[in-house]
Amino acid sequence: RVTFWKENGTHITVFEFKDNRSALILEGNIRYNDVLLKNVIISYKEEEDDFDNCVLNALKILNEYNE
């Protein structure tokens, strides 16, 4: 498992749960009805690829996400 963080607290975790299958979990803070919800799962995606490619895809997702 590896996690990458942005300065604003948004982060993505890549969790390999079996060979060539990983979960990419994007978490961060969101505002819902004027209430700040902290550390919420924003996106969950499973990928069938080697771990290195999953890490690269996770970094792309993290960089493209705008609060």
C-alpha atoms as a PDB file:
ATOM      1  CA  ARG A   1       0.000   0.000   0.000  1.00  0.00           C
ATOM      2  CA  VAL A   2       1.189   3.478  -0.858  1.00  0.00           C
ATOM      3  CA  THR A   3      -0.464   6.870  -0.279  1.00  0.00           C
ATOM      4  CA  PHE A   4       0.248  10.195  -1.975  1.00  0.00           C
ATOM      5  CA  TRP A   5      -0.859  13.514  -0.431  1.00  0.00           C
ATOM      6  CA  LYS A   6      -1.560  17.023  -1.691  1.00  0.00           C
ATOM      7  CA  GLU A   7      -0.917  19.971   0.617  1.00  0.00           C
ATOM      8  CA  ASN A   8      -4.674  20.531   1.006  1.00  0.00           C
ATOM      9  CA  GLY A   9      -5.147  17.083   2.531  1.00  0.00           C
ATOM     10  CA  THR A  10      -6.524  15.341  -0.540  1.00  0.00           C
ATOM     11  CA  HIS A  11      -4.819  11.967  -0.936  1.00  0.00           C
ATOM     12  CA  ILE A  12      -4.933   8.774  -2.925  1.00  0.00           C
ATOM     13  CA  THR A  13      -4.060   5.287  -1.739  1.00  0.00           C
ATOM     14  CA  VAL A  14      -3.062   2.416  -4.000  1.00  0.00           C
ATOM     15  CA  PHE A  15      -3.746  -0.908  -2.327  1.00  0.00           C
ATOM     16  CA  GLU A  16      -2.695  -4.098  -4.108  1.00  0.00           C
ATOM     17  CA  PHE A  17      -4.933  -6.894  -2.847  1.00  0.00           C
ATOM     18  CA  LYS A  18      -3.750  -9.614  -5.227  1.00  0.00           C
ATOM     19  CA  ASP A  19      -1.317  -9.932  -8.108  1.00  0.00           C
ATOM     20  CA  ASN A  20      -2.099  -7.370 -10.807  1.00  0.00           C
ATOM     21  CA  ARG A  21      -5.252  -6.108  -9.049  1.00  0.00           C
ATOM     22  CA  SER A  22      -5.282  -2.886  -7.047  1.00  0.00           C
ATOM     23  CA  ALA A  23      -7.767  -0.462  -5.558  1.00  0.00           C
ATOM     24  CA  LEU A  24      -7.257   3.286  -6.032  1.00  0.00           C
ATOM     25  CA  ILE A  25      -8.997   5.265  -3.290  1.00  0.00           C
ATOM     26  CA  LEU A  26      -9.182   9.062  -3.532  1.00  0.00           C
ATOM     27  CA  GLU A  27     -10.070  10.825  -0.267  1.00  0.00           C
ATOM     28  CA  GLY A  28     -10.418  14.414   0.803  1.00  0.00           C
ATOM     29  CA  ASN A  29     -12.607  17.096   2.310  1.00  0.00           C
ATOM     30  CA  ILE A  30     -15.880  18.097   0.652  1.00  0.00           C
ATOM     31  CA  ARG A  31     -18.551  20.631   1.472  1.00  0.00           C
ATOM     32  CA  TYR A  32     -22.132  19.340   1.473  1.00  0.00           C
ATOM     33  CA  ASN A  33     -25.028  21.667   2.341  1.00  0.00           C
ATOM     34  CA  ASP A  34     -22.600  24.125   3.957  1.00  0.00           C
ATOM     35  CA  VAL A  35     -21.139  21.362   6.165  1.00  0.00           C
ATOM     36  CA  LEU A  36     -17.462  20.454   5.811  1.00  0.00           C
ATOM     37  CA  LEU A  37     -17.037  16.685   5.666  1.00  0.00           C
ATOM     38  CA  LYS A  38     -13.459  15.597   6.279  1.00  0.00           C
ATOM     39  CA  ASN A  39     -11.624  12.590   4.900  1.00  0.00           C
ATOM     40  CA  VAL A  40     -14.469  11.388   2.658  1.00  0.00           C
ATOM     41  CA  ILE A  41     -13.994   8.774  -0.066  1.00  0.00           C
ATOM     42  CA  ILE A  42     -14.403  10.745  -3.264  1.00  0.00           C
ATOM     43  CA  SER A  43     -13.550   7.995  -5.722  1.00  0.00           C
ATOM     44  CA  TYR A  44     -12.932   4.243  -5.584  1.00  0.00           C
ATOM     45  CA  LYS A  45     -11.638   2.347  -8.579  1.00  0.00           C
ATOM     46  CA  GLU A  46     -10.264  -1.158  -9.048  1.00  0.00           C
ATOM     47  CA  GLU A  47      -7.708  -1.802 -11.768  1.00  0.00           C
ATOM     48  CA  GLU A  48      -6.223  -4.935 -13.252  1.00  0.00           C
ATOM     49  CA  ASP A  49      -2.655  -3.904 -14.026  1.00  0.00           C
ATOM     50  CA  ASP A  50       0.777  -4.181 -12.474  1.00  0.00           C
ATOM     51  CA  PHE A  51       1.366  -2.143  -9.336  1.00  0.00           C
ATOM     52  CA  ASP A  52       3.660   0.394 -11.010  1.00  0.00           C
ATOM     53  CA  ASN A  53       1.030   1.292 -13.621  1.00  0.00           C
ATOM     54  CA  CYS A  54      -1.614   1.567 -10.911  1.00  0.00           C
ATOM     55  CA  VAL A  55       0.610   4.027  -9.036  1.00  0.00           C
ATOM     56  CA  LEU A  56       1.036   6.113 -12.191  1.00  0.00           C
ATOM     57  CA  ASN A  57      -2.738   6.119 -12.760  1.00  0.00           C
ATOM     58  CA  ALA A  58      -3.307   7.121  -9.129  1.00  0.00           C
ATOM     59  CA  LEU A  59      -0.948  10.080  -9.461  1.00  0.00           C
ATOM     60  CA  LYS A  60      -2.804  11.170 -12.590  1.00  0.00           C
ATOM     61  CA  ILE A  61      -6.163  10.975 -10.770  1.00  0.00           C
ATOM     62  CA  LEU A  62      -4.782  12.952  -7.816  1.00  0.00           C
ATOM     63  CA  ASN A  63      -3.318  15.658 -10.048  1.00  0.00           C
ATOM     64  CA  GLU A  64      -6.532  15.998 -12.080  1.00  0.00           C
ATOM     65  CA  TYR A  65      -8.836  16.264  -9.049  1.00  0.00           C
ATOM     66  CA  ASN A  66      -9.852  19.807  -8.193  1.00  0.00           C
ATOM     67  CA  GLU A  67     -11.839  20.584  -5.072  1.00  0.00           C
END
